[in-house]
Amino acid sequence: MVCTSQPAQVTVTSRLCRAPPVTVVDEALLLRALEVYEVNRLDFAQAYLVACAEVSGVGAVASFDRAVSRVRTVRHIVPGRAS
């Protein structure tokens, strides 16, 4: 653990407070990805792919991660296997 002085912590905090806000291009997509991440216990990248597949209408995600198959709203395709 790195100990920093109080003035250093205040400086970092004040810089963060003055930083511009985060811009989100598709808030609904991000919120759905977060929901999939939380409910289905996927890595965020996989949850984002699931949300993209749902929103775009593709309906399938190709991934080596078997956890994707826990999501019932998309079809899980394992690369290299016949589906």
Protein backbone atom coordinates (compact mmCIF):
# COMPACT_ATOMS: atom_id res chain seq x y z
CA MET A 1 0.00 0.00 0.00
CA VAL A 2 1.34 3.40 -0.95
CA CYS A 3 0.85 6.13 1.61
CA THR A 4 0.41 9.62 0.28
CA SER A 5 0.34 12.87 2.17
CA GLN A 6 -2.93 14.67 2.81
CA PRO A 7 -2.07 17.49 0.35
CA ALA A 8 -1.37 14.93 -2.40
CA GLN A 9 -4.75 13.25 -1.80
CA VAL A 10 -6.51 16.61 -1.89
CA THR A 11 -4.78 17.48 -5.17
CA VAL A 12 -5.84 14.22 -6.82
CA THR A 13 -9.40 14.57 -5.53
CA SER A 14 -9.68 18.16 -6.68
CA ARG A 15 -8.43 17.22 -10.17
CA LEU A 16 -11.04 14.47 -10.39
CA CYS A 17 -13.75 16.89 -9.31
CA ARG A 18 -12.76 19.32 -12.06
CA ALA A 19 -12.53 16.67 -14.78
CA PRO A 20 -15.15 16.85 -17.52
CA PRO A 21 -18.03 14.42 -17.13
CA VAL A 22 -18.02 11.12 -18.92
CA THR A 23 -19.92 11.14 -22.20
CA VAL A 24 -21.93 8.03 -23.01
CA VAL A 25 -22.92 7.45 -26.63
CA ASP A 26 -25.67 4.89 -25.96
CA GLU A 27 -26.87 5.05 -22.37
CA ALA A 28 -29.49 2.30 -22.79
CA LEU A 29 -26.87 -0.09 -24.18
CA LEU A 30 -24.48 0.66 -21.34
CA LEU A 31 -27.20 0.18 -18.73
CA ARG A 32 -28.22 -3.15 -20.30
CA ALA A 33 -24.58 -4.28 -20.33
CA LEU A 34 -24.30 -3.41 -16.64
CA GLU A 35 -27.49 -5.35 -15.93
CA VAL A 36 -26.21 -8.43 -17.79
CA TYR A 37 -22.88 -8.07 -15.97
CA GLU A 38 -24.56 -7.98 -12.58
CA VAL A 39 -27.35 -10.53 -13.07
CA ASN A 40 -25.47 -13.14 -15.14
CA ARG A 41 -22.06 -12.70 -13.51
CA LEU A 42 -20.19 -12.24 -16.81
CA ASP A 43 -17.03 -10.27 -17.44
CA PHE A 44 -18.02 -6.77 -18.48
CA ALA A 45 -16.66 -7.26 -22.02
CA GLN A 46 -18.86 -10.35 -22.50
CA ALA A 47 -21.85 -8.54 -20.97
CA TYR A 48 -21.33 -5.67 -23.40
CA LEU A 49 -21.22 -8.09 -26.34
CA VAL A 50 -24.47 -9.66 -25.15
CA ALA A 51 -26.14 -6.26 -24.87
CA CYS A 52 -24.89 -5.31 -28.36
CA ALA A 53 -26.27 -8.57 -29.79
CA GLU A 54 -29.64 -7.91 -28.17
CA VAL A 55 -29.91 -4.27 -29.27
CA SER A 56 -28.68 -4.88 -32.81
CA GLY A 57 -30.97 -7.85 -33.37
CA VAL A 58 -28.07 -10.20 -34.14
CA GLY A 59 -29.17 -12.42 -31.28
CA ALA A 60 -25.92 -14.39 -30.97
CA VAL A 61 -22.49 -13.99 -29.40
CA ALA A 62 -19.41 -15.94 -30.50
CA SER A 63 -17.19 -16.44 -27.48
CA PHE A 64 -14.93 -19.03 -25.90
CA ASP A 65 -16.31 -17.95 -22.51
CA ARG A 66 -18.84 -20.60 -21.47
CA ALA A 67 -20.46 -18.14 -19.06
CA VAL A 68 -22.19 -16.49 -22.04
CA SER A 69 -24.46 -19.53 -22.25
CA ARG A 70 -26.05 -18.45 -18.93
CA VAL A 71 -27.74 -15.58 -20.77
CA ARG A 72 -31.04 -16.76 -22.24
CA THR A 73 -31.65 -13.75 -24.50
CA VAL A 74 -28.87 -14.60 -26.99
CA ARG A 75 -27.52 -17.72 -28.61
CA HIS A 76 -23.99 -18.64 -27.55
CA ILE A 77 -21.72 -19.76 -30.38
CA VAL A 78 -18.45 -21.42 -29.38
CA PRO A 79 -15.88 -20.75 -32.14
CA GLY A 80 -14.68 -23.92 -33.81
CA ARG A 81 -17.71 -25.97 -32.79
CA ALA A 82 -20.69 -26.80 -34.94
CA SER A 83 -23.74 -24.97 -33.62
